[in-house]
Amino acid sequence: MSRAFSIGGILLQLTRRERSVLEVLLLRDGKAVNKSALSEKIFGIDESVNPDAIEIYIHRLRKKLDGSGVAIVTLRGLGYLLEARPETAP
């Protein structure tokens, strides 16, 4: 299984952890994923993690997905959700 992601045939340049976050969101198929669940999936048990790390990866992914027709939505109190968004015509 390839762990590469592309949009419109263009390969997304993602770090290992950005790929992991995107993969978790894709696998949840429209269901919210909270920060602690994301943290468990992308960090090792013995790693010391800054509580803001997930927000940083989400921010970077949002920038890289901008204009792709896919967005990461924050559901306050629930977590993050990957959602299809219709592209707007210029």
C-alpha atoms as a PDB file:
ATOM      1  CA  MET A   1       0.000   0.000   0.000  1.00  0.00           C
ATOM      2  CA  SER A   2       1.377   3.383  -0.982  1.00  0.00           C
ATOM      3  CA  ARG A   3       1.469   6.070   1.662  1.00  0.00           C
ATOM      4  CA  ALA A   4       1.716   8.858  -0.897  1.00  0.00           C
ATOM      5  CA  PHE A   5      -1.140  11.278  -1.443  1.00  0.00           C
ATOM      6  CA  SER A   6      -1.834  13.312  -4.543  1.00  0.00           C
ATOM      7  CA  ILE A   7      -4.372  15.892  -5.629  1.00  0.00           C
ATOM      8  CA  GLY A   8      -5.185  16.192  -9.296  1.00  0.00           C
ATOM      9  CA  GLY A   9      -2.188  14.021 -10.141  1.00  0.00           C
ATOM     10  CA  ILE A  10       0.194  16.262  -8.194  1.00  0.00           C
ATOM     11  CA  LEU A  11       2.009  14.557  -5.340  1.00  0.00           C
ATOM     12  CA  LEU A  12       1.510  16.241  -1.961  1.00  0.00           C
ATOM     13  CA  GLN A  13       4.776  16.897  -0.172  1.00  0.00           C
ATOM     14  CA  LEU A  14       3.931  15.683   3.333  1.00  0.00           C
ATOM     15  CA  THR A  15       6.065  14.864   6.324  1.00  0.00           C
ATOM     16  CA  ARG A  16       5.711  11.429   7.893  1.00  0.00           C
ATOM     17  CA  ARG A  17       3.487  12.786  10.649  1.00  0.00           C
ATOM     18  CA  GLU A  18       1.351  14.867   8.257  1.00  0.00           C
ATOM     19  CA  ARG A  19       0.778  11.678   6.229  1.00  0.00           C
ATOM     20  CA  SER A  20      -0.193   9.850   9.406  1.00  0.00           C
ATOM     21  CA  VAL A  21      -2.723  12.517  10.412  1.00  0.00           C
ATOM     22  CA  LEU A  22      -4.255  12.561   6.919  1.00  0.00           C
ATOM     23  CA  GLU A  23      -4.383   8.766   6.865  1.00  0.00           C
ATOM     24  CA  VAL A  24      -6.221   8.619  10.211  1.00  0.00           C
ATOM     25  CA  LEU A  25      -8.753  11.211   9.020  1.00  0.00           C
ATOM     26  CA  LEU A  26      -9.310   9.315   5.759  1.00  0.00           C
ATOM     27  CA  LEU A  27      -9.773   5.992   7.519  1.00  0.00           C
ATOM     28  CA  ARG A  28     -12.395   7.459   9.864  1.00  0.00           C
ATOM     29  CA  ASP A  29     -14.555   8.185   6.794  1.00  0.00           C
ATOM     30  CA  GLY A  30     -16.526  11.232   7.862  1.00  0.00           C
ATOM     31  CA  LYS A  31     -16.339  10.663  11.605  1.00  0.00           C
ATOM     32  CA  ALA A  32     -14.683  13.112  13.970  1.00  0.00           C
ATOM     33  CA  VAL A  33     -11.293  12.185  15.430  1.00  0.00           C
ATOM     34  CA  ASN A  34     -10.286  13.850  18.702  1.00  0.00           C
ATOM     35  CA  LYS A  35      -6.794  15.100  19.509  1.00  0.00           C
ATOM     36  CA  SER A  36      -5.960  12.261  21.885  1.00  0.00           C
ATOM     37  CA  ALA A  37      -6.897   9.619  19.286  1.00  0.00           C
ATOM     38  CA  LEU A  38      -4.764  11.384  16.667  1.00  0.00           C
ATOM     39  CA  SER A  39      -1.899  11.667  19.114  1.00  0.00           C
ATOM     40  CA  GLU A  40      -2.070   7.932  19.919  1.00  0.00           C
ATOM     41  CA  LYS A  41      -1.938   7.067  16.214  1.00  0.00           C
ATOM     42  CA  ILE A  42       0.949   9.313  15.167  1.00  0.00           C
ATOM     43  CA  PHE A  43       3.266   9.388  18.172  1.00  0.00           C
ATOM     44  CA  GLY A  44       5.044   6.514  19.845  1.00  0.00           C
ATOM     45  CA  ILE A  45       4.224   5.558  23.412  1.00  0.00           C
ATOM     46  CA  ASP A  46       7.604   6.718  24.674  1.00  0.00           C
ATOM     47  CA  GLU A  47       7.564  10.086  22.866  1.00  0.00           C
ATOM     48  CA  SER A  48       7.092  13.305  24.792  1.00  0.00           C
ATOM     49  CA  VAL A  49       4.506  15.322  22.880  1.00  0.00           C
ATOM     50  CA  ASN A  50       3.682  19.013  23.047  1.00  0.00           C
ATOM     51  CA  PRO A  51      -0.117  19.361  23.451  1.00  0.00           C
ATOM     52  CA  ASP A  52      -0.158  21.820  20.521  1.00  0.00           C
ATOM     53  CA  ALA A  53       1.543  19.387  18.122  1.00  0.00           C
ATOM     54  CA  ILE A  54      -1.713  18.056  16.646  1.00  0.00           C
ATOM     55  CA  GLU A  55      -2.939  21.599  15.979  1.00  0.00           C
ATOM     56  CA  ILE A  56       0.322  22.369  14.184  1.00  0.00           C
ATOM     57  CA  TYR A  57       0.011  19.312  11.918  1.00  0.00           C
ATOM     58  CA  ILE A  58      -3.649  20.104  11.214  1.00  0.00           C
ATOM     59  CA  HIS A  59      -2.721  23.701  10.319  1.00  0.00           C
ATOM     60  CA  ARG A  60       0.002  22.553   7.915  1.00  0.00           C
ATOM     61  CA  LEU A  61      -2.298  20.003   6.293  1.00  0.00           C
ATOM     62  CA  ARG A  62      -5.055  22.584   5.838  1.00  0.00           C
ATOM     63  CA  LYS A  63      -2.615  24.806   3.948  1.00  0.00           C
ATOM     64  CA  LYS A  64      -1.495  21.923   1.740  1.00  0.00           C
ATOM     65  CA  LEU A  65      -5.099  20.866   1.028  1.00  0.00           C
ATOM     66  CA  ASP A  66      -6.266  24.406   0.259  1.00  0.00           C
ATOM     67  CA  GLY A  67      -8.123  24.556  -3.055  1.00  0.00           C
ATOM     68  CA  SER A  68      -8.277  20.769  -3.387  1.00  0.00           C
ATOM     69  CA  GLY A  69     -11.988  20.327  -2.702  1.00  0.00           C
ATOM     70  CA  VAL A  70     -11.164  18.648   0.632  1.00  0.00           C
ATOM     71  CA  ALA A  71     -10.955  20.411   3.977  1.00  0.00           C
ATOM     72  CA  ILE A  72     -10.210  19.546   7.579  1.00  0.00           C
ATOM     73  CA  VAL A  73     -13.056  20.826   9.726  1.00  0.00           C
ATOM     74  CA  THR A  74     -12.831  21.440  13.473  1.00  0.00           C
ATOM     75  CA  LEU A  75     -15.843  20.244  15.431  1.00  0.00           C
ATOM     76  CA  ARG A  76     -15.522  21.964  18.787  1.00  0.00           C
ATOM     77  CA  GLY A  77     -15.411  19.464  21.619  1.00  0.00           C
ATOM     78  CA  LEU A  78     -15.351  16.503  19.194  1.00  0.00           C
ATOM     79  CA  GLY A  79     -12.188  16.804  17.113  1.00  0.00           C
ATOM     80  CA  TYR A  80     -11.341  16.990  13.427  1.00  0.00           C
ATOM     81  CA  LEU A  81     -13.145  15.742  10.352  1.00  0.00           C
ATOM     82  CA  LEU A  82     -12.083  15.434   6.710  1.00  0.00           C
ATOM     83  CA  GLU A  83     -14.846  16.807   4.505  1.00  0.00           C
ATOM     84  CA  ALA A  84     -15.368  17.180   0.766  1.00  0.00           C
ATOM     85  CA  ARG A  85     -16.003  20.767  -0.246  1.00  0.00           C
ATOM     86  CA  PRO A  86     -17.198  21.786  -3.672  1.00  0.00           C
ATOM     87  CA  GLU A  87     -14.632  23.935  -5.422  1.00  0.00           C
ATOM     88  CA  THR A  88     -15.871  27.408  -6.194  1.00  0.00           C
ATOM     89  CA  ALA A  89     -15.558  28.677  -9.755  1.00  0.00           C
ATOM     90  CA  PRO A  90     -13.599  31.914 -10.224  1.00  0.00           C
END
